[in-house]
């Protein structure tokens, strides 16, 4: 939920026109895309961290 407040604030700040409400289908597609993106990013972060921790000692 912390993610939504800055997104909405930036949208309001940067759009110089009223934002039309999304259809339910568009909301569903957008939320699915956002969830996949966040999960993929988190997996990449964790993999890089784990790879770094598992570096061989010199």
PDB file of N, CA and C in Angstrom:
ATOM      1  N   UNK A   1       0.811  -1.195   0.000  1.00  0.00           N
ATOM      2  CA  UNK A   1       0.000   0.000   0.000  1.00  0.00           C
ATOM      3  C   UNK A   1       0.855   1.260   0.000  1.00  0.00           C
ATOM      4  N   UNK A   2       2.056   1.190   0.570  1.00  0.00           N
ATOM      5  CA  UNK A   2       2.936   2.355   0.570  1.00  0.00           C
ATOM      6  C   UNK A   2       3.308   2.763  -0.847  1.00  0.00           C
ATOM      7  N   UNK A   3       3.326   1.815  -1.755  1.00  0.00           N
ATOM      8  CA  UNK A   3       3.676   2.086  -3.142  1.00  0.00           C
ATOM      9  C   UNK A   3       2.622   2.945  -3.836  1.00  0.00           C
ATOM     10  N   UNK A   4       1.373   2.781  -3.476  1.00  0.00           N
ATOM     11  CA  UNK A   4       0.292   3.454  -4.193  1.00  0.00           C
ATOM     12  C   UNK A   4       0.259   4.967  -3.969  1.00  0.00           C
ATOM     13  N   UNK A   5       0.539   5.410  -2.760  1.00  0.00           N
ATOM     14  CA  UNK A   5       0.460   6.840  -2.466  1.00  0.00           C
ATOM     15  C   UNK A   5       1.398   7.665  -3.352  1.00  0.00           C
ATOM     16  N   UNK A   6       2.692   7.307  -3.489  1.00  0.00           N
ATOM     17  CA  UNK A   6       3.555   8.108  -4.362  1.00  0.00           C
ATOM     18  C   UNK A   6       3.179   7.996  -5.838  1.00  0.00           C
ATOM     19  N   UNK A   7       2.674   6.848  -6.246  1.00  0.00           N
ATOM     20  CA  UNK A   7       2.261   6.696  -7.648  1.00  0.00           C
ATOM     21  C   UNK A   7       1.097   7.629  -7.953  1.00  0.00           C
ATOM     22  N   UNK A   8       0.107   7.625  -7.087  1.00  0.00           N
ATOM     23  CA  UNK A   8      -1.054   8.493  -7.294  1.00  0.00           C
ATOM     24  C   UNK A   8      -0.636   9.965  -7.224  1.00  0.00           C
ATOM     25  N   UNK A   9       0.227  10.314  -6.292  1.00  0.00           N
ATOM     26  CA  UNK A   9       0.680  11.698  -6.170  1.00  0.00           C
ATOM     27  C   UNK A   9       1.413  12.154  -7.440  1.00  0.00           C
ATOM     28  N   UNK A  10       2.279  11.297  -7.980  1.00  0.00           N
ATOM     29  CA  UNK A  10       3.004  11.641  -9.207  1.00  0.00           C
ATOM     30  C   UNK A  10       2.057  11.742 -10.393  1.00  0.00           C
ATOM     31  N   UNK A  11       1.086  10.864 -10.456  1.00  0.00           N
ATOM     32  CA  UNK A  11       0.111  10.910 -11.537  1.00  0.00           C
ATOM     33  C   UNK A  11      -0.663  12.222 -11.507  1.00  0.00           C
ATOM     34  N   UNK A  12      -1.127  12.599 -10.323  1.00  0.00           N
ATOM     35  CA  UNK A  12      -1.863  13.857 -10.180  1.00  0.00           C
ATOM     36  C   UNK A  12      -0.969  15.046 -10.520  1.00  0.00           C
ATOM     37  N   UNK A  13       0.281  15.005 -10.078  1.00  0.00           N
ATOM     38  CA  UNK A  13       1.211  16.114 -10.299  1.00  0.00           C
ATOM     39  C   UNK A  13       1.603  16.265 -11.774  1.00  0.00           C
ATOM     40  N   UNK A  14       1.808  15.147 -12.466  1.00  0.00           N
ATOM     41  CA  UNK A  14       2.353  15.198 -13.822  1.00  0.00           C
ATOM     42  C   UNK A  14       1.307  15.275 -14.927  1.00  0.00           C
ATOM     43  N   UNK A  15       0.110  14.835 -14.664  1.00  0.00           N
ATOM     44  CA  UNK A  15      -0.940  14.880 -15.691  1.00  0.00           C
ATOM     45  C   UNK A  15      -1.568  16.272 -15.685  1.00  0.00           C
ATOM     46  N   UNK A  16      -1.628  16.878 -16.848  1.00  0.00           N
ATOM     47  CA  UNK A  16      -2.243  18.211 -16.921  1.00  0.00           C
ATOM     48  C   UNK A  16      -3.663  18.112 -17.483  1.00  0.00           C
ATOM     49  N   UNK A  17      -4.305  16.995 -17.210  1.00  0.00           N
ATOM     50  CA  UNK A  17      -5.667  16.733 -17.661  1.00  0.00           C
ATOM     51  C   UNK A  17      -6.302  15.735 -16.703  1.00  0.00           C
ATOM     52  N   UNK A  18      -7.612  15.681 -16.662  1.00  0.00           N
ATOM     53  CA  UNK A  18      -8.265  14.701 -15.783  1.00  0.00           C
ATOM     54  C   UNK A  18      -7.980  13.275 -16.258  1.00  0.00           C
ATOM     55  N   UNK A  19      -7.724  12.396 -15.343  1.00  0.00           N
ATOM     56  CA  UNK A  19      -7.476  10.990 -15.658  1.00  0.00           C
ATOM     57  C   UNK A  19      -8.822  10.257 -15.662  1.00  0.00           C
ATOM     58  N   UNK A  20      -9.110   9.620 -16.767  1.00  0.00           N
ATOM     59  CA  UNK A  20     -10.346   8.856 -16.884  1.00  0.00           C
ATOM     60  C   UNK A  20     -10.258   7.601 -16.021  1.00  0.00           C
ATOM     61  N   UNK A  21     -11.324   7.209 -15.387  1.00  0.00           N
ATOM     62  CA  UNK A  21     -11.308   5.966 -14.609  1.00  0.00           C
ATOM     63  C   UNK A  21     -11.064   4.773 -15.529  1.00  0.00           C
ATOM     64  N   UNK A  22     -10.352   3.789 -15.015  1.00  0.00           N
ATOM     65  CA  UNK A  22     -10.104   2.578 -15.786  1.00  0.00           C
ATOM     66  C   UNK A  22     -11.323   1.661 -15.725  1.00  0.00           C
ATOM     67  N   UNK A  23     -11.493   0.903 -16.775  1.00  0.00           N
ATOM     68  CA  UNK A  23     -12.526  -0.129 -16.742  1.00  0.00           C
ATOM     69  C   UNK A  23     -12.068  -1.232 -15.788  1.00  0.00           C
ATOM     70  N   UNK A  24     -12.972  -2.080 -15.365  1.00  0.00           N
ATOM     71  CA  UNK A  24     -12.595  -3.180 -14.481  1.00  0.00           C
ATOM     72  C   UNK A  24     -11.570  -4.086 -15.141  1.00  0.00           C
ATOM     73  N   UNK A  25     -11.726  -4.345 -16.434  1.00  0.00           N
ATOM     74  CA  UNK A  25     -10.761  -5.189 -17.145  1.00  0.00           C
ATOM     75  C   UNK A  25      -9.390  -4.520 -17.190  1.00  0.00           C
ATOM     76  N   UNK A  26      -9.365  -3.216 -17.437  1.00  0.00           N
ATOM     77  CA  UNK A  26      -8.093  -2.492 -17.472  1.00  0.00           C
ATOM     78  C   UNK A  26      -7.441  -2.486 -16.087  1.00  0.00           C
ATOM     79  N   UNK A  27      -8.228  -2.294 -15.043  1.00  0.00           N
ATOM     80  CA  UNK A  27      -7.691  -2.347 -13.671  1.00  0.00           C
ATOM     81  C   UNK A  27      -7.077  -3.708 -13.403  1.00  0.00           C
ATOM     82  N   UNK A  28      -7.752  -4.757 -13.816  1.00  0.00           N
ATOM     83  CA  UNK A  28      -7.266  -6.116 -13.600  1.00  0.00           C
ATOM     84  C   UNK A  28      -5.952  -6.349 -14.346  1.00  0.00           C
ATOM     85  N   UNK A  29      -5.900  -5.942 -15.600  1.00  0.00           N
ATOM     86  CA  UNK A  29      -4.677  -6.129 -16.396  1.00  0.00           C
ATOM     87  C   UNK A  29      -3.526  -5.315 -15.831  1.00  0.00           C
ATOM     88  N   UNK A  30      -3.791  -4.072 -15.450  1.00  0.00           N
ATOM     89  CA  UNK A  30      -2.750  -3.213 -14.899  1.00  0.00           C
ATOM     90  C   UNK A  30      -2.241  -3.764 -13.570  1.00  0.00           C
ATOM     91  N   UNK A  31      -3.152  -4.191 -12.713  1.00  0.00           N
ATOM     92  CA  UNK A  31      -2.725  -4.716 -11.416  1.00  0.00           C
ATOM     93  C   UNK A  31      -1.943  -6.020 -11.585  1.00  0.00           C
ATOM     94  N   UNK A  32      -2.343  -6.886 -12.525  1.00  0.00           N
ATOM     95  CA  UNK A  32      -1.583  -8.110 -12.797  1.00  0.00           C
ATOM     96  C   UNK A  32      -0.175  -7.779 -13.281  1.00  0.00           C
ATOM     97  N   UNK A  33      -0.069  -6.816 -14.188  1.00  0.00           N
ATOM     98  CA  UNK A  33       1.242  -6.420 -14.712  1.00  0.00           C
ATOM     99  C   UNK A  33       2.113  -5.857 -13.590  1.00  0.00           C
ATOM    100  N   UNK A  34       1.532  -5.018 -12.761  1.00  0.00           N
ATOM    101  CA  UNK A  34       2.289  -4.407 -11.676  1.00  0.00           C
ATOM    102  C   UNK A  34       2.774  -5.463 -10.680  1.00  0.00           C
ATOM    103  N   UNK A  35       1.917  -6.397 -10.333  1.00  0.00           N
ATOM    104  CA  UNK A  35       2.290  -7.468  -9.408  1.00  0.00           C
ATOM    105  C   UNK A  35       3.418  -8.309  -9.997  1.00  0.00           C
ATOM    106  N   UNK A  36       3.301  -8.698 -11.266  1.00  0.00           N
ATOM    107  CA  UNK A  36       4.362  -9.483 -11.913  1.00  0.00           C
ATOM    108  C   UNK A  36       5.676  -8.716 -11.933  1.00  0.00           C
ATOM    109  N   UNK A  37       5.611  -7.417 -12.222  1.00  0.00           N
ATOM    110  CA  UNK A  37       6.809  -6.591 -12.284  1.00  0.00           C
ATOM    111  C   UNK A  37       7.475  -6.495 -10.917  1.00  0.00           C
ATOM    112  N   UNK A  38       6.696  -6.266  -9.878  1.00  0.00           N
ATOM    113  CA  UNK A  38       7.249  -6.158  -8.524  1.00  0.00           C
ATOM    114  C   UNK A  38       7.859  -7.483  -8.088  1.00  0.00           C
ATOM    115  N   UNK A  39       7.169  -8.593  -8.342  1.00  0.00           N
ATOM    116  CA  UNK A  39       7.682  -9.907  -7.951  1.00  0.00           C
ATOM    117  C   UNK A  39       8.956 -10.234  -8.723  1.00  0.00           C
ATOM    118  N   UNK A  40       8.977  -9.982 -10.019  1.00  0.00           N
ATOM    119  CA  UNK A  40      10.172 -10.234 -10.824  1.00  0.00           C
ATOM    120  C   UNK A  40      11.339  -9.407 -10.327  1.00  0.00           C
ATOM    121  N   UNK A  41      11.092  -8.145 -10.017  1.00  0.00           N
ATOM    122  CA  UNK A  41      12.153  -7.276  -9.497  1.00  0.00           C
ATOM    123  C   UNK A  41      12.682  -7.808  -8.169  1.00  0.00           C
ATOM    124  N   UNK A  42      11.788  -8.202  -7.288  1.00  0.00           N
ATOM    125  CA  UNK A  42      12.204  -8.731  -5.991  1.00  0.00           C
ATOM    126  C   UNK A  42      13.019 -10.013  -6.161  1.00  0.00           C
ATOM    127  N   UNK A  43      12.611 -10.885  -7.085  1.00  0.00           N
ATOM    128  CA  UNK A  43      13.367 -12.109  -7.348  1.00  0.00           C
ATOM    129  C   UNK A  43      14.765 -11.782  -7.855  1.00  0.00           C
ATOM    130  N   UNK A  44      14.878 -10.798  -8.732  1.00  0.00           N
ATOM    131  CA  UNK A  44      16.184 -10.399  -9.257  1.00  0.00           C
ATOM    132  C   UNK A  44      17.070  -9.837  -8.145  1.00  0.00           C
ATOM    133  N   UNK A  45      16.490  -9.020  -7.284  1.00  0.00           N
ATOM    134  CA  UNK A  45      17.254  -8.465  -6.162  1.00  0.00           C
ATOM    135  C   UNK A  45      17.754  -9.585  -5.261  1.00  0.00           C
ATOM    136  N   UNK A  46      16.879 -10.510  -4.931  1.00  0.00           N
ATOM    137  CA  UNK A  46      17.263 -11.617  -4.045  1.00  0.00           C
ATOM    138  C   UNK A  46      18.330 -12.489  -4.686  1.00  0.00           C
ATOM    139  N   UNK A  47      18.193 -12.765  -5.986  1.00  0.00           N
ATOM    140  CA  UNK A  47      19.192 -13.586  -6.676  1.00  0.00           C
ATOM    141  C   UNK A  47      20.554 -12.905  -6.687  1.00  0.00           C
ATOM    142  N   UNK A  48      20.575 -11.591  -6.962  1.00  0.00           N
ATOM    143  CA  UNK A  48      21.858 -10.873  -6.959  1.00  0.00           C
ATOM    144  C   UNK A  48      22.465 -10.874  -5.562  1.00  0.00           C
ATOM    145  N   UNK A  49      21.655 -10.665  -4.553  1.00  0.00           N
ATOM    146  CA  UNK A  49      22.155 -10.674  -3.176  1.00  0.00           C
ATOM    147  C   UNK A  49      22.703 -12.043  -2.813  1.00  0.00           C
ATOM    148  N   UNK A  50      21.966 -13.089  -3.177  1.00  0.00           N
ATOM    149  CA  UNK A  50      22.425 -14.446  -2.868  1.00  0.00           C
ATOM    150  C   UNK A  50      23.707 -14.773  -3.621  1.00  0.00           C
ATOM    151  N   UNK A  51      23.814 -14.350  -4.879  1.00  0.00           N
ATOM    152  CA  UNK A  51      25.035 -14.589  -5.647  1.00  0.00           C
ATOM    153  C   UNK A  51      26.211 -13.852  -5.019  1.00  0.00           C
ATOM    154  N   UNK A  52      25.974 -12.645  -4.538  1.00  0.00           N
ATOM    155  CA  UNK A  52      27.026 -11.871  -3.916  1.00  0.00           C
ATOM    156  C   UNK A  52      27.494 -12.533  -2.621  1.00  0.00           C
ATOM    157  N   UNK A  53      26.564 -13.007  -1.835  1.00  0.00           N
ATOM    158  CA  UNK A  53      26.892 -13.653  -0.569  1.00  0.00           C
ATOM    159  C   UNK A  53      27.665 -14.941  -0.814  1.00  0.00           C
ATOM    160  N   UNK A  54      27.417 -15.610  -1.921  1.00  0.00           N
ATOM    161  CA  UNK A  54      28.042 -16.896  -2.209  1.00  0.00           C
ATOM    162  C   UNK A  54      29.309 -16.780  -3.053  1.00  0.00           C
ATOM    163  N   UNK A  55      29.897 -15.599  -3.104  1.00  0.00           N
ATOM    164  CA  UNK A  55      31.152 -15.447  -3.856  1.00  0.00           C
ATOM    165  C   UNK A  55      32.261 -16.257  -3.179  1.00  0.00           C
ATOM    166  N   UNK A  56      33.149 -16.815  -3.989  1.00  0.00           N
ATOM    167  CA  UNK A  56      34.256 -17.568  -3.365  1.00  0.00           C
ATOM    168  C   UNK A  56      35.213 -16.618  -2.621  1.00  0.00           C
ATOM    169  N   UNK A  57      35.807 -17.118  -1.588  1.00  0.00           N
ATOM    170  CA  UNK A  57      36.765 -16.319  -0.850  1.00  0.00           C
ATOM    171  C   UNK A  57      38.083 -16.271  -1.596  1.00  0.00           C
ATOM    172  N   UNK A  58      38.741 -15.128  -1.503  1.00  0.00           N
ATOM    173  CA  UNK A  58      40.047 -14.967  -2.158  1.00  0.00           C
ATOM    174  C   UNK A  58      41.175 -15.279  -1.227  1.00  0.00           C
TER     175      UNK A  58
END
